[in-house]
Protein backbone atom coordinates (compact mmCIF):
# COMPACT_ATOMS: atom_id res chain seq x y z
CA MET A 1 -1.90 31.87 19.50
CA SER A 2 1.04 29.53 19.78
CA HIS A 3 1.88 29.22 16.10
CA LYS A 4 4.81 30.56 14.14
CA TYR A 5 3.93 33.35 11.73
CA LEU A 6 5.59 34.52 8.54
CA CYS A 7 4.19 37.31 6.40
CA PRO A 8 3.23 35.97 2.96
CA ASN A 9 3.71 39.41 1.43
CA CYS A 10 7.05 40.79 2.63
CA LYS A 11 8.42 37.29 3.42
CA THR A 12 10.76 38.59 6.13
CA ASN A 13 8.66 39.44 9.18
CA ARG A 14 8.39 36.65 11.73
CA SER A 15 7.96 38.65 14.92
CA ARG A 16 5.93 41.89 14.59
CA PHE A 17 2.19 41.54 14.10
CA ASN A 18 -1.08 43.18 15.12
CA LEU A 19 -4.15 41.15 16.10
CA ILE A 20 -7.33 42.86 14.93
CA LYS A 21 -10.42 41.74 16.83
CA GLN A 22 -13.54 41.67 14.70
CA ILE A 23 -16.70 42.34 16.65
CA ALA A 24 -19.81 42.29 14.49
CA GLU A 25 -22.70 44.49 15.59
CA PRO A 26 -25.93 43.81 13.70
CA ILE A 27 -27.73 47.09 12.95
CA LYS A 28 -30.63 48.40 10.89
CA VAL A 29 -30.03 51.48 8.69
CA ASP A 30 -32.57 53.89 7.21
CA PRO A 31 -32.17 53.54 3.41
CA LYS A 32 -32.91 57.21 2.75
CA THR A 33 -30.81 58.93 5.41
CA GLY A 34 -28.21 56.32 6.29
CA GLU A 35 -28.92 56.78 9.99
CA ILE A 36 -28.90 53.77 12.29
CA THR A 37 -32.51 53.10 13.25
CA GLY A 38 -31.96 50.05 15.42
CA ASP A 39 -29.57 47.42 16.57
CA TYR A 40 -30.08 43.76 17.29
CA LYS A 41 -28.82 41.49 19.97
CA HIS A 42 -27.25 38.35 18.51
CA GLU A 43 -30.24 36.29 19.64
CA GLU A 44 -32.94 38.54 18.18
CA THR A 45 -31.91 39.40 14.63
CA ALA A 46 -34.62 39.74 11.99
CA LEU A 47 -35.66 36.87 9.77
CA PHE A 48 -33.67 38.12 6.76
CA HIS A 49 -30.60 39.25 8.70
CA VAL A 50 -27.66 36.86 8.27
CA GLN A 51 -25.37 36.48 11.29
CA TYR A 52 -21.67 37.30 10.86
CA GLN A 53 -19.74 34.07 10.35
CA GLY A 54 -16.22 35.34 9.71
CA PRO A 55 -13.13 34.94 11.85
CA ASP A 56 -12.98 36.40 15.37
CA TYR A 57 -9.78 38.22 14.50
CA ARG A 58 -7.36 38.89 11.66
CA VAL A 59 -3.61 39.41 11.66
CA GLN A 60 -1.75 42.42 10.30
CA CYS A 61 1.95 42.33 9.45
CA GLY A 62 3.79 44.93 11.50
CA VAL A 63 6.25 45.58 8.66
CA CYS A 64 4.30 45.83 5.40
CA GLY A 65 0.74 46.22 6.74
CA LEU A 66 -0.83 43.18 5.03
CA ILE A 67 -4.07 42.10 6.74
CA GLU A 68 -5.13 38.47 6.32
CA GLU A 69 -6.68 35.62 8.26
CA GLU A 70 -4.36 34.00 10.77
CA ASN A 71 -4.16 30.78 8.77
CA SER A 72 -2.37 32.55 5.88
CA PHE A 73 0.51 33.55 8.17
CA ILE A 74 0.66 30.11 9.82
CA GLN A 75 0.71 28.18 6.55
CA TYR A 76 3.38 30.40 5.03
CA ALA A 77 5.59 29.84 8.10
CA LYS A 78 5.16 26.05 7.74
CA TYR A 79 6.42 26.08 4.15
CA ASP A 80 9.37 28.37 4.86
CA PRO A 81 11.03 27.12 8.06
CA LEU A 82 13.88 28.99 9.72
């Protein structure tokens, strides 16, 4: 994380952000009760269970609370230099 950030929503914050780590845990849920009936290791998911392919983390603006992918904050900072 050595990029400049600028919030695309409030357009003023360049220094206060939260990194939100996204850790996917594949589970199996009972359709009638909603209870978790099993979990999978990443190597042993069922045939019809798609692996999570999203970003490892997201960024939240520490001023307005906007949560986006890191690239949104980086690109906005590139187009609005100090």
